[in-house]
Amino acid sequence: MSDTPARLLKLLTLLQTGRERTGTELAGRLGVSPRTVRRDIDRLRGLGYPVDAAIGAVGGYRLASGTAMPPLLLDDEEAVAIAVGLHAAAGGTVADVAETSVRALAKLEQVLPARLRDRVTALQEATVPLYGLLTGGGEAPVTDPAVLTALATACRRRERVRFGYAAADGAPSRRHAEPYRLVSADQRWYLVAYDLDRADWRTFRADRIDGPRLTGARCVPDRRPPTPDAAAFVAESVTSHRARHRALVTLHTTLADATARLPAGTGLLEPLTPDSCLLRTGGDALDWLAFRLGLLGVPFEVHEPPELIAYLHELGGRLLDAARRSTPPPPSGV
């Protein structure tokens, strides 16, 4: 292989497998002499890659773990962001992407310094993905990676945190909370936490959080939100908060069937009986809510709001009248 940059990249790939490779083996894989391999190893070291060499007649090389960051034109925050993104992709539903992400994540984590591996682990353990929640158009907000790291660490340690928070209208406030989980949804991050000053569970937009500081005080043991599934809690909170009409509906089907029929992120389901469940959802338009419920394809009862109940009566009357007036088309050829 005469192309030196390409050969160095292939050599780096071989060294990232985690096991020690002899100079002879590397020379054979690269199609060069052992002397060229030694020269290329020196080049990698000169670029900042931590390559260890085993002492002995045969000799061996491997990429050291955690002694330095390779010069991938990534700073610490970018390296953490890539690792977290790969972790999310590795847990996805697209097989080829997931498999490739697992391999890439393993290679990246092998060379991450310990301080960065701890941050990546905290984010991975504290974050729950929420798929299908549409939070509106426009440009996605920018979230400070340092904020996410601090919140993830607080979640992992079950430690209370203080931070500044800006409401939707920009009004500032100071919060003292017990963090539970981070939820990533639609290019946004949310913190599910118990607000100690308001004595209630809240959902905080991470991009509106400023200067989170761990206090050293432990969270109350076993304190959990009313919906322990943090992703479902955020879905209910965001959907209800932005909806003009909030609906409470009994679906006469199993919880598993309702979950499969309901688009992700559009409501919160709770079991009532083995054959029924309660749906909390919302929407800005009554006709949209009515048709979405009708298209679920299961019997249902609306308990609130009264405007939706009235609309269903009016819509049902119009549909029944249309059905009575309608006639089948004449047979073809008549």
C-alpha atoms as a PDB file:
ATOM      1  CA  MET A   1       0.000   0.000   0.000  1.00  0.00           C
ATOM      2  CA  SER A   2       1.885   3.053  -1.297  1.00  0.00           C
ATOM      3  CA  ASP A   3      -0.658   5.701  -0.206  1.00  0.00           C
ATOM      4  CA  THR A   4       0.762   6.737   3.184  1.00  0.00           C
ATOM      5  CA  PRO A   5      -2.358   8.514   4.596  1.00  0.00           C
ATOM      6  CA  ALA A   6      -4.596   5.608   3.599  1.00  0.00           C
ATOM      7  CA  ARG A   7      -2.095   3.130   5.050  1.00  0.00           C
ATOM      8  CA  LEU A   8      -1.979   5.047   8.349  1.00  0.00           C
ATOM      9  CA  LEU A   9      -5.771   5.012   8.575  1.00  0.00           C
ATOM     10  CA  LYS A  10      -5.873   1.257   7.929  1.00  0.00           C
ATOM     11  CA  LEU A  11      -3.116   0.732  10.501  1.00  0.00           C
ATOM     12  CA  LEU A  12      -5.076   2.765  13.043  1.00  0.00           C
ATOM     13  CA  THR A  13      -8.174   0.665  12.337  1.00  0.00           C
ATOM     14  CA  LEU A  14      -6.211  -2.553  12.907  1.00  0.00           C
ATOM     15  CA  LEU A  15      -4.806  -1.227  16.183  1.00  0.00           C
ATOM     16  CA  GLN A  16      -8.286  -0.231  17.463  1.00  0.00           C
ATOM     17  CA  THR A  17      -9.504  -3.809  17.690  1.00  0.00           C
ATOM     18  CA  GLY A  18      -8.253  -3.991  21.268  1.00  0.00           C
ATOM     19  CA  ARG A  19      -5.869  -6.913  20.889  1.00  0.00           C
ATOM     20  CA  GLU A  20      -2.144  -6.831  20.377  1.00  0.00           C
ATOM     21  CA  ARG A  21      -0.872  -7.333  16.813  1.00  0.00           C
ATOM     22  CA  THR A  22       2.679  -8.277  15.864  1.00  0.00           C
ATOM     23  CA  GLY A  23       4.721  -6.210  13.463  1.00  0.00           C
ATOM     24  CA  THR A  24       4.825  -9.147  11.063  1.00  0.00           C
ATOM     25  CA  GLU A  25       1.045  -9.488  11.116  1.00  0.00           C
ATOM     26  CA  LEU A  26       0.567  -5.775  10.505  1.00  0.00           C
ATOM     27  CA  ALA A  27       3.098  -5.816   7.686  1.00  0.00           C
ATOM     28  CA  GLY A  28       1.235  -8.670   6.022  1.00  0.00           C
ATOM     29  CA  ARG A  29      -2.149  -6.937   6.348  1.00  0.00           C
ATOM     30  CA  LEU A  30      -0.776  -3.691   4.958  1.00  0.00           C
ATOM     31  CA  GLY A  31       1.429  -5.206   2.265  1.00  0.00           C
ATOM     32  CA  VAL A  32       4.594  -3.455   3.481  1.00  0.00           C
ATOM     33  CA  SER A  33       7.787  -4.381   5.302  1.00  0.00           C
ATOM     34  CA  PRO A  34       8.100  -4.569   9.114  1.00  0.00           C
ATOM     35  CA  ARG A  35      10.448  -1.590   8.890  1.00  0.00           C
ATOM     36  CA  THR A  36       7.695   0.469   7.233  1.00  0.00           C
ATOM     37  CA  VAL A  37       5.295  -0.600   9.979  1.00  0.00           C
ATOM     38  CA  ARG A  38       7.718   0.664  12.619  1.00  0.00           C
ATOM     39  CA  ARG A  39       8.057   3.928  10.734  1.00  0.00           C
ATOM     40  CA  ASP A  40       4.253   4.262  10.500  1.00  0.00           C
ATOM     41  CA  ILE A  41       3.889   3.550  14.215  1.00  0.00           C
ATOM     42  CA  ASP A  42       6.287   6.423  14.870  1.00  0.00           C
ATOM     43  CA  ARG A  43       4.179   8.640  12.605  1.00  0.00           C
ATOM     44  CA  LEU A  44       1.009   7.788  14.568  1.00  0.00           C
ATOM     45  CA  ARG A  45       2.761   8.555  17.829  1.00  0.00           C
ATOM     46  CA  GLY A  46       3.925  11.848  16.395  1.00  0.00           C
ATOM     47  CA  LEU A  47       0.308  12.688  15.613  1.00  0.00           C
ATOM     48  CA  GLY A  48      -0.645  11.955  19.214  1.00  0.00           C
ATOM     49  CA  TYR A  49      -2.025   8.428  18.973  1.00  0.00           C
ATOM     50  CA  PRO A  50      -1.043   6.385  22.069  1.00  0.00           C
ATOM     51  CA  VAL A  51       0.417   3.212  20.520  1.00  0.00           C
ATOM     52  CA  ASP A  52       1.947   0.772  23.007  1.00  0.00           C
ATOM     53  CA  ALA A  53       4.713  -1.632  21.943  1.00  0.00           C
ATOM     54  CA  ALA A  54       5.393  -4.971  23.622  1.00  0.00           C
ATOM     55  CA  ILE A  55       9.009  -5.806  24.410  1.00  0.00           C
ATOM     56  CA  GLY A  56      10.308  -9.041  22.928  1.00  0.00           C
ATOM     57  CA  ALA A  57      11.779 -10.743  19.899  1.00  0.00           C
ATOM     58  CA  VAL A  58       8.484 -10.796  18.018  1.00  0.00           C
ATOM     59  CA  GLY A  59       7.126  -7.466  19.232  1.00  0.00           C
ATOM     60  CA  GLY A  60       3.541  -6.331  19.229  1.00  0.00           C
ATOM     61  CA  TYR A  61       1.480  -3.164  19.064  1.00  0.00           C
ATOM     62  CA  ARG A  62      -1.886  -1.991  20.303  1.00  0.00           C
ATOM     63  CA  LEU A  63      -3.672   1.317  20.783  1.00  0.00           C
ATOM     64  CA  ALA A  64      -3.526   2.312  24.438  1.00  0.00           C
ATOM     65  CA  SER A  65      -6.774   3.163  26.208  1.00  0.00           C
ATOM     66  CA  GLY A  66      -7.427   6.455  27.901  1.00  0.00           C
ATOM     67  CA  THR A  67      -3.962   8.005  27.885  1.00  0.00           C
ATOM     68  CA  ALA A  68      -4.787  10.731  25.366  1.00  0.00           C
ATOM     69  CA  MET A  69      -7.388  11.745  22.835  1.00  0.00           C
ATOM     70  CA  PRO A  70      -6.339  11.028  19.242  1.00  0.00           C
ATOM     71  CA  PRO A  71      -6.278  14.156  17.070  1.00  0.00           C
ATOM     72  CA  LEU A  72      -9.648  13.587  15.383  1.00  0.00           C
ATOM     73  CA  LEU A  73     -10.316  17.333  15.335  1.00  0.00           C
ATOM     74  CA  LEU A  74     -12.750  16.735  18.196  1.00  0.00           C
ATOM     75  CA  ASP A  75     -12.757  18.546  21.511  1.00  0.00           C
ATOM     76  CA  ASP A  76     -14.012  16.879  24.689  1.00  0.00           C
ATOM     77  CA  GLU A  77     -17.624  18.012  24.209  1.00  0.00           C
ATOM     78  CA  GLU A  78     -17.713  16.808  20.605  1.00  0.00           C
ATOM     79  CA  ALA A  79     -16.262  13.420  21.556  1.00  0.00           C
ATOM     80  CA  VAL A  80     -18.912  12.977  24.260  1.00  0.00           C
ATOM     81  CA  ALA A  81     -21.665  14.056  21.866  1.00  0.00           C
ATOM     82  CA  ILE A  82     -20.559  11.532  19.237  1.00  0.00           C
ATOM     83  CA  ALA A  83     -20.377   8.724  21.793  1.00  0.00           C
ATOM     84  CA  VAL A  84     -23.883   9.472  23.083  1.00  0.00           C
ATOM     85  CA  GLY A  85     -25.225   9.699  19.540  1.00  0.00           C
ATOM     86  CA  LEU A  86     -23.683   6.358  18.646  1.00  0.00           C
ATOM     87  CA  HIS A  87     -25.167   4.833  21.783  1.00  0.00           C
ATOM     88  CA  ALA A  88     -28.637   6.043  20.758  1.00  0.00           C
ATOM     89  CA  ALA A  89     -28.174   4.705  17.226  1.00  0.00           C
ATOM     90  CA  ALA A  90     -26.946   1.377  18.601  1.00  0.00           C
ATOM     91  CA  GLY A  91     -30.265   0.948  20.370  1.00  0.00           C
ATOM     92  CA  GLY A  92     -32.308   1.828  17.292  1.00  0.00           C
ATOM     93  CA  THR A  93     -34.510  -0.324  15.135  1.00  0.00           C
ATOM     94  CA  VAL A  94     -32.484  -0.185  11.901  1.00  0.00           C
ATOM     95  CA  ALA A  95     -30.335  -3.323  12.012  1.00  0.00           C
ATOM     96  CA  ASP A  96     -27.438  -2.246   9.799  1.00  0.00           C
ATOM     97  CA  VAL A  97     -27.133   1.174  11.426  1.00  0.00           C
ATOM     98  CA  ALA A  98     -27.377  -0.319  14.914  1.00  0.00           C
ATOM     99  CA  GLU A  99     -24.687  -2.923  14.239  1.00  0.00           C
ATOM    100  CA  THR A 100     -22.319  -0.369  12.711  1.00  0.00           C
ATOM    101  CA  SER A 101     -22.931   2.014  15.606  1.00  0.00           C
ATOM    102  CA  VAL A 102     -22.031  -0.670  18.143  1.00  0.00           C
ATOM    103  CA  ARG A 103     -18.696  -1.255  16.407  1.00  0.00           C
ATOM    104  CA  ALA A 104     -17.962   2.466  16.098  1.00  0.00           C
ATOM    105  CA  LEU A 105     -18.910   3.096  19.727  1.00  0.00           C
ATOM    106  CA  ALA A 106     -16.617   0.306  20.921  1.00  0.00           C
ATOM    107  CA  LYS A 107     -13.687   1.805  19.012  1.00  0.00           C
ATOM    108  CA  LEU A 108     -14.358   5.329  20.272  1.00  0.00           C
ATOM    109  CA  GLU A 109     -14.848   4.348  23.910  1.00  0.00           C
ATOM    110  CA  GLN A 110     -11.598   2.366  23.815  1.00  0.00           C
ATOM    111  CA  VAL A 111      -9.563   5.548  23.335  1.00  0.00           C
ATOM    112  CA  LEU A 112     -11.646   7.949  25.423  1.00  0.00           C
ATOM    113  CA  PRO A 113      -9.802   9.205  28.507  1.00  0.00           C
ATOM    114  CA  ALA A 114     -11.309   8.111  31.815  1.00  0.00           C
ATOM    115  CA  ARG A 115     -12.799  11.557  32.501  1.00  0.00           C
ATOM    116  CA  LEU A 116     -14.750  11.412  29.244  1.00  0.00           C
ATOM    117  CA  ARG A 117     -15.780   7.779  29.648  1.00  0.00           C
ATOM    118  CA  ASP A 118     -17.378   8.701  32.978  1.00  0.00           C
ATOM    119  CA  ARG A 119     -19.360  11.502  31.332  1.00  0.00           C
ATOM    120  CA  VAL A 120     -20.488   9.258  28.499  1.00  0.00           C
ATOM    121  CA  THR A 121     -21.553   6.552  30.937  1.00  0.00           C
ATOM    122  CA  ALA A 122     -23.525   9.055  33.028  1.00  0.00           C
ATOM    123  CA  LEU A 123     -25.376  10.355  29.969  1.00  0.00           C
ATOM    124  CA  GLN A 124     -26.093   6.838  28.703  1.00  0.00           C
ATOM    125  CA  GLU A 125     -27.453   5.663  32.048  1.00  0.00           C
ATOM    126  CA  ALA A 126     -29.514   8.804  32.741  1.00  0.00           C
ATOM    127  CA  THR A 127     -31.040   9.304  29.277  1.00  0.00           C
ATOM    128  CA  VAL A 128     -34.239   7.744  27.984  1.00  0.00           C
ATOM    129  CA  PRO A 129     -35.163   8.223  24.292  1.00  0.00           C
ATOM    130  CA  LEU A 130     -38.681   9.248  23.305  1.00  0.00           C
ATOM    131  CA  TYR A 131     -39.545   8.441  19.689  1.00  0.00           C
ATOM    132  CA  GLY A 132     -42.429   9.982  17.770  1.00  0.00           C
ATOM    133  CA  LEU A 133     -42.945  13.109  19.894  1.00  0.00           C
ATOM    134  CA  LEU A 134     -43.239  16.123  17.581  1.00  0.00           C
ATOM    135  CA  THR A 135     -42.556  19.296  19.551  1.00  0.00           C
ATOM    136  CA  GLY A 136     -43.073  21.789  16.754  1.00  0.00           C
ATOM    137  CA  GLY A 137     -41.185  23.105  13.764  1.00  0.00           C
ATOM    138  CA  GLY A 138     -38.424  25.634  13.589  1.00  0.00           C
ATOM    139  CA  GLU A 139     -34.781  25.377  14.449  1.00  0.00           C
ATOM    140  CA  ALA A 140     -33.915  22.978  17.258  1.00  0.00           C
ATOM    141  CA  PRO A 141     -32.670  24.717  20.419  1.00  0.00           C
ATOM    142  CA  VAL A 142     -28.997  24.526  21.339  1.00  0.00           C
ATOM    143  CA  THR A 143     -28.284  22.736  24.610  1.00  0.00           C
ATOM    144  CA  ASP A 144     -24.975  23.219  26.408  1.00  0.00           C
ATOM    145  CA  PRO A 145     -23.246  19.790  26.672  1.00  0.00           C
ATOM    146  CA  ALA A 146     -21.890  20.831  30.075  1.00  0.00           C
ATOM    147  CA  VAL A 147     -25.477  21.279  31.287  1.00  0.00           C
ATOM    148  CA  LEU A 148     -26.421  17.804  30.069  1.00  0.00           C
ATOM    149  CA  THR A 149     -23.354  16.293  31.717  1.00  0.00           C
ATOM    150  CA  ALA A 150     -24.106  17.943  35.058  1.00  0.00           C
ATOM    151  CA  LEU A 151     -27.757  16.875  34.970  1.00  0.00           C
ATOM    152  CA  ALA A 152     -26.847  13.327  33.948  1.00  0.00           C
ATOM    153  CA  THR A 153     -24.343  13.097  36.781  1.00  0.00           C
ATOM    154  CA  ALA A 154     -26.964  14.331  39.246  1.00  0.00           C
ATOM    155  CA  CYS A 155     -29.442  11.726  37.955  1.00  0.00           C
ATOM    156  CA  ARG A 156     -26.855   8.970  38.210  1.00  0.00           C
ATOM    157  CA  ARG A 157     -25.807   9.924  41.744  1.00  0.00           C
ATOM    158  CA  ARG A 158     -29.394  10.656  42.880  1.00  0.00           C
ATOM    159  CA  GLU A 159     -28.179  14.054  44.084  1.00  0.00           C
ATOM    160  CA  ARG A 160     -30.177  17.278  44.390  1.00  0.00           C
ATOM    161  CA  VAL A 161     -29.326  20.100  42.016  1.00  0.00           C
ATOM    162  CA  ARG A 162     -29.876  23.882  41.862  1.00  0.00           C
ATOM    163  CA  PHE A 163     -30.139  25.762  38.584  1.00  0.00           C
ATOM    164  CA  GLY A 164     -31.513  28.830  36.872  1.00  0.00           C
ATOM    165  CA  TYR A 165     -34.504  28.303  34.605  1.00  0.00           C
ATOM    166  CA  ALA A 166     -36.156  30.448  31.946  1.00  0.00           C
ATOM    167  CA  ALA A 167     -39.882  29.948  31.363  1.00  0.00           C
ATOM    168  CA  ALA A 168     -41.398  29.916  27.867  1.00  0.00           C
ATOM    169  CA  ASP A 169     -41.961  33.677  28.126  1.00  0.00           C
ATOM    170  CA  GLY A 170     -38.366  34.200  29.267  1.00  0.00           C
ATOM    171  CA  ALA A 171     -39.172  34.865  32.918  1.00  0.00           C
ATOM    172  CA  PRO A 172     -36.184  33.719  35.033  1.00  0.00           C
ATOM    173  CA  SER A 173     -36.417  31.662  38.203  1.00  0.00           C
ATOM    174  CA  ARG A 174     -34.223  29.616  40.523  1.00  0.00           C
ATOM    175  CA  ARG A 175     -35.017  25.946  40.996  1.00  0.00           C
ATOM    176  CA  HIS A 176     -34.060  23.349  43.588  1.00  0.00           C
ATOM    177  CA  ALA A 177     -34.890  19.869  42.345  1.00  0.00           C
ATOM    178  CA  GLU A 178     -34.336  16.146  42.637  1.00  0.00           C
ATOM    179  CA  PRO A 179     -33.417  14.924  39.122  1.00  0.00           C
ATOM    180  CA  TYR A 180     -34.852  11.636  37.920  1.00  0.00           C
ATOM    181  CA  ARG A 181     -34.083  11.133  34.215  1.00  0.00           C
ATOM    182  CA  LEU A 182     -33.101  12.972  31.054  1.00  0.00           C
ATOM    183  CA  VAL A 183     -35.324  12.380  28.023  1.00  0.00           C
ATOM    184  CA  SER A 184     -34.250  13.085  24.445  1.00  0.00           C
ATOM    185  CA  ALA A 185     -37.051  13.780  21.982  1.00  0.00           C
ATOM    186  CA  ASP A 186     -37.271  15.516  18.615  1.00  0.00           C
ATOM    187  CA  GLN A 187     -33.840  17.185  18.935  1.00  0.00           C
ATOM    188  CA  ARG A 188     -34.748  18.458  22.393  1.00  0.00           C
ATOM    189  CA  TRP A 189     -33.700  17.372  25.869  1.00  0.00           C
ATOM    190  CA  TYR A 190     -35.951  17.334  28.917  1.00  0.00           C
ATOM    191  CA  LEU A 191     -35.187  16.859  32.594  1.00  0.00           C
ATOM    192  CA  VAL A 192     -37.788  15.007  34.669  1.00  0.00           C
ATOM    193  CA  ALA A 193     -37.322  16.161  38.249  1.00  0.00           C
ATOM    194  CA  TYR A 194     -39.150  16.737  41.520  1.00  0.00           C
ATOM    195  CA  ASP A 195     -39.358  20.501  42.162  1.00  0.00           C
ATOM    196  CA  LEU A 196     -38.718  20.857  45.895  1.00  0.00           C
ATOM    197  CA  ASP A 197     -40.048  24.428  46.118  1.00  0.00           C
ATOM    198  CA  ARG A 198     -43.307  23.552  44.361  1.00  0.00           C
ATOM    199  CA  ALA A 199     -43.610  20.062  45.859  1.00  0.00           C
ATOM    200  CA  ASP A 200     -44.482  18.491  42.520  1.00  0.00           C
ATOM    201  CA  TRP A 201     -42.953  16.699  39.554  1.00  0.00           C
ATOM    202  CA  ARG A 202     -41.965  18.886  36.621  1.00  0.00           C
ATOM    203  CA  THR A 203     -40.541  18.649  33.118  1.00  0.00           C
ATOM    204  CA  PHE A 204     -37.755  21.160  32.369  1.00  0.00           C
ATOM    205  CA  ARG A 205     -36.381  21.992  28.941  1.00  0.00           C
ATOM    206  CA  ALA A 206     -32.628  21.429  29.204  1.00  0.00           C
ATOM    207  CA  ASP A 207     -31.835  24.294  26.820  1.00  0.00           C
ATOM    208  CA  ARG A 208     -33.524  26.675  29.304  1.00  0.00           C
ATOM    209  CA  ILE A 209     -31.477  25.438  32.256  1.00  0.00           C
ATOM    210  CA  ASP A 210     -28.515  27.554  33.290  1.00  0.00           C
ATOM    211  CA  GLY A 211     -25.630  26.792  35.621  1.00  0.00           C
ATOM    212  CA  PRO A 212     -26.762  23.505  37.223  1.00  0.00           C
ATOM    213  CA  ARG A 213     -24.911  22.857  40.477  1.00  0.00           C
ATOM    214  CA  LEU A 214     -24.909  19.608  42.424  1.00  0.00           C
ATOM    215  CA  THR A 215     -25.596  20.312  46.097  1.00  0.00           C
ATOM    216  CA  GLY A 216     -24.223  17.138  47.666  1.00  0.00           C
ATOM    217  CA  ALA A 217     -27.619  16.417  49.277  1.00  0.00           C
ATOM    218  CA  ARG A 218     -29.200  13.102  48.396  1.00  0.00           C
ATOM    219  CA  CYS A 219     -32.624  12.734  46.793  1.00  0.00           C
ATOM    220  CA  VAL A 220     -35.402  11.196  48.848  1.00  0.00           C
ATOM    221  CA  PRO A 221     -35.023   7.423  48.445  1.00  0.00           C
ATOM    222  CA  ASP A 222     -37.582   5.732  46.172  1.00  0.00           C
ATOM    223  CA  ARG A 223     -39.218   9.038  45.162  1.00  0.00           C
ATOM    224  CA  ARG A 224     -40.658   8.399  41.711  1.00  0.00           C
ATOM    225  CA  PRO A 225     -42.900  10.437  39.369  1.00  0.00           C
ATOM    226  CA  PRO A 226     -46.549   9.369  39.031  1.00  0.00           C
ATOM    227  CA  THR A 227     -45.547   7.803  35.736  1.00  0.00           C
ATOM    228  CA  PRO A 228     -42.182   6.094  36.389  1.00  0.00           C
ATOM    229  CA  ASP A 229     -41.619   5.798  32.635  1.00  0.00           C
ATOM    230  CA  ALA A 230     -39.824   9.114  32.129  1.00  0.00           C
ATOM    231  CA  ALA A 231     -40.462   9.151  28.366  1.00  0.00           C
ATOM    232  CA  ALA A 232     -44.212   8.696  28.889  1.00  0.00           C
ATOM    233  CA  PHE A 233     -44.176  11.392  31.573  1.00  0.00           C
ATOM    234  CA  VAL A 234     -42.570  13.866  29.161  1.00  0.00           C
ATOM    235  CA  ALA A 235     -44.971  12.893  26.358  1.00  0.00           C
ATOM    236  CA  GLU A 236     -47.963  13.586  28.597  1.00  0.00           C
ATOM    237  CA  SER A 237     -46.463  16.801  29.943  1.00  0.00           C
ATOM    238  CA  VAL A 238     -45.511  18.241  26.556  1.00  0.00           C
ATOM    239  CA  THR A 239     -48.707  17.128  24.803  1.00  0.00           C
ATOM    240  CA  SER A 240     -50.998  18.460  27.524  1.00  0.00           C
ATOM    241  CA  HIS A 241     -49.074  21.688  27.961  1.00  0.00           C
ATOM    242  CA  ARG A 242     -49.259  22.698  24.324  1.00  0.00           C
ATOM    243  CA  ALA A 243     -52.769  21.392  23.588  1.00  0.00           C
ATOM    244  CA  ARG A 244     -55.790  23.691  23.591  1.00  0.00           C
ATOM    245  CA  HIS A 245     -58.108  20.804  24.483  1.00  0.00           C
ATOM    246  CA  ARG A 246     -57.137  18.092  26.972  1.00  0.00           C
ATOM    247  CA  ALA A 247     -59.062  14.852  26.630  1.00  0.00           C
ATOM    248  CA  LEU A 248     -59.716  11.959  28.996  1.00  0.00           C
ATOM    249  CA  VAL A 249     -60.910   8.836  27.172  1.00  0.00           C
ATOM    250  CA  THR A 250     -61.610   5.203  28.045  1.00  0.00           C
ATOM    251  CA  LEU A 251     -60.509   2.811  25.310  1.00  0.00           C
ATOM    252  CA  HIS A 252     -62.203  -0.593  25.353  1.00  0.00           C
ATOM    253  CA  THR A 253     -59.209  -2.667  24.384  1.00  0.00           C
ATOM    254  CA  THR A 254     -56.133  -4.068  26.055  1.00  0.00           C
ATOM    255  CA  LEU A 255     -53.264  -1.814  27.043  1.00  0.00           C
ATOM    256  CA  ALA A 256     -50.944  -3.618  24.621  1.00  0.00           C
ATOM    257  CA  ASP A 257     -53.363  -3.182  21.720  1.00  0.00           C
ATOM    258  CA  ALA A 258     -53.944   0.497  22.527  1.00  0.00           C
ATOM    259  CA  THR A 259     -50.195   1.096  22.728  1.00  0.00           C
ATOM    260  CA  ALA A 260     -49.721  -0.429  19.284  1.00  0.00           C
ATOM    261  CA  ARG A 261     -52.530   1.666  17.779  1.00  0.00           C
ATOM    262  CA  LEU A 262     -51.694   5.022  19.342  1.00  0.00           C
ATOM    263  CA  PRO A 263     -48.937   7.074  17.667  1.00  0.00           C
ATOM    264  CA  ALA A 264     -45.966   7.467  20.005  1.00  0.00           C
ATOM    265  CA  GLY A 265     -45.803  10.715  21.940  1.00  0.00           C
ATOM    266  CA  THR A 266     -49.492  11.637  21.499  1.00  0.00           C
ATOM    267  CA  GLY A 267     -50.787  10.643  24.899  1.00  0.00           C
ATOM    268  CA  LEU A 268     -50.456   8.664  28.092  1.00  0.00           C
ATOM    269  CA  LEU A 269     -52.103   5.279  28.617  1.00  0.00           C
ATOM    270  CA  GLU A 270     -53.010   3.747  31.985  1.00  0.00           C
ATOM    271  CA  PRO A 271     -54.558   0.294  32.507  1.00  0.00           C
ATOM    272  CA  LEU A 272     -58.070   0.153  33.971  1.00  0.00           C
ATOM    273  CA  THR A 273     -59.083  -3.496  33.508  1.00  0.00           C
ATOM    274  CA  PRO A 274     -57.574  -6.324  31.460  1.00  0.00           C
ATOM    275  CA  ASP A 275     -59.763  -5.174  28.545  1.00  0.00           C
ATOM    276  CA  SER A 276     -59.761  -1.390  28.928  1.00  0.00           C
ATOM    277  CA  CYS A 277     -57.394   1.501  29.525  1.00  0.00           C
ATOM    278  CA  LEU A 278     -57.466   5.244  30.118  1.00  0.00           C
ATOM    279  CA  LEU A 279     -56.021   7.635  27.539  1.00  0.00           C
ATOM    280  CA  ARG A 280     -54.926  11.161  28.420  1.00  0.00           C
ATOM    281  CA  THR A 281     -54.311  13.156  25.284  1.00  0.00           C
ATOM    282  CA  GLY A 282     -54.897  16.561  23.762  1.00  0.00           C
ATOM    283  CA  GLY A 283     -55.116  18.658  20.633  1.00  0.00           C
ATOM    284  CA  ASP A 284     -55.764  22.154  19.360  1.00  0.00           C
ATOM    285  CA  ALA A 285     -58.723  21.213  17.131  1.00  0.00           C
ATOM    286  CA  LEU A 286     -61.824  19.255  18.162  1.00  0.00           C
ATOM    287  CA  ASP A 287     -62.280  17.727  14.706  1.00  0.00           C
ATOM    288  CA  TRP A 288     -58.666  16.473  14.723  1.00  0.00           C
ATOM    289  CA  LEU A 289     -59.131  14.923  18.168  1.00  0.00           C
ATOM    290  CA  ALA A 290     -62.420  13.286  17.176  1.00  0.00           C
ATOM    291  CA  PHE A 291     -61.085  11.752  13.976  1.00  0.00           C
ATOM    292  CA  ARG A 292     -57.890  10.572  15.667  1.00  0.00           C
ATOM    293  CA  LEU A 293     -59.948   8.727  18.267  1.00  0.00           C
ATOM    294  CA  GLY A 294     -62.255   7.295  15.616  1.00  0.00           C
ATOM    295  CA  LEU A 295     -59.348   6.078  13.514  1.00  0.00           C
ATOM    296  CA  LEU A 296     -57.984   4.037  16.426  1.00  0.00           C
ATOM    297  CA  GLY A 297     -60.553   1.429  15.447  1.00  0.00           C
ATOM    298  CA  VAL A 298     -61.700   0.493  18.977  1.00  0.00           C
ATOM    299  CA  PRO A 299     -64.793   1.393  21.045  1.00  0.00           C
ATOM    300  CA  PHE A 300     -64.215   4.398  23.293  1.00  0.00           C
ATOM    301  CA  GLU A 301     -65.912   6.801  25.712  1.00  0.00           C
ATOM    302  CA  VAL A 302     -64.937  10.450  26.097  1.00  0.00           C
ATOM    303  CA  HIS A 303     -65.160  11.824  29.649  1.00  0.00           C
ATOM    304  CA  GLU A 304     -63.774  15.294  29.012  1.00  0.00           C
ATOM    305  CA  PRO A 305     -63.684  17.956  27.720  1.00  0.00           C
ATOM    306  CA  PRO A 306     -67.418  18.664  27.298  1.00  0.00           C
ATOM    307  CA  GLU A 307     -66.695  20.480  24.015  1.00  0.00           C
ATOM    308  CA  LEU A 308     -65.368  17.254  22.522  1.00  0.00           C
ATOM    309  CA  ILE A 309     -68.397  15.280  23.739  1.00  0.00           C
ATOM    310  CA  ALA A 310     -70.731  17.847  22.148  1.00  0.00           C
ATOM    311  CA  TYR A 311     -68.750  17.768  18.922  1.00  0.00           C
ATOM    312  CA  LEU A 312     -68.937  13.947  18.774  1.00  0.00           C
ATOM    313  CA  HIS A 313     -72.751  14.113  19.173  1.00  0.00           C
ATOM    314  CA  GLU A 314     -73.022  16.689  16.403  1.00  0.00           C
ATOM    315  CA  LEU A 315     -70.589  14.841  14.139  1.00  0.00           C
ATOM    316  CA  GLY A 316     -72.269  11.505  14.803  1.00  0.00           C
ATOM    317  CA  GLY A 317     -75.653  12.963  13.877  1.00  0.00           C
ATOM    318  CA  ARG A 318     -74.321  14.296  10.592  1.00  0.00           C
ATOM    319  CA  LEU A 319     -72.649  10.988   9.761  1.00  0.00           C
ATOM    320  CA  LEU A 320     -75.799   8.966  10.553  1.00  0.00           C
ATOM    321  CA  ASP A 321     -77.904  11.331   8.465  1.00  0.00           C
ATOM    322  CA  ALA A 322     -75.457  11.009   5.600  1.00  0.00           C
ATOM    323  CA  ALA A 323     -75.546   7.215   5.913  1.00  0.00           C
ATOM    324  CA  ARG A 324     -79.373   7.183   5.770  1.00  0.00           C
ATOM    325  CA  ARG A 325     -79.424   9.420   2.697  1.00  0.00           C
ATOM    326  CA  SER A 326     -76.709   7.520   0.890  1.00  0.00           C
ATOM    327  CA  THR A 327     -77.517   4.824  -1.677  1.00  0.00           C
ATOM    328  CA  PRO A 328     -75.181   2.308  -3.288  1.00  0.00           C
ATOM    329  CA  PRO A 329     -74.051   3.084  -6.837  1.00  0.00           C
ATOM    330  CA  PRO A 330     -76.066   1.491  -9.634  1.00  0.00           C
ATOM    331  CA  PRO A 331     -74.711  -1.756 -11.053  1.00  0.00           C
ATOM    332  CA  SER A 332     -72.176  -1.319 -13.837  1.00  0.00           C
ATOM    333  CA  GLY A 333     -73.699  -1.344 -17.329  1.00  0.00           C
ATOM    334  CA  VAL A 334     -77.123  -0.034 -16.206  1.00  0.00           C
END
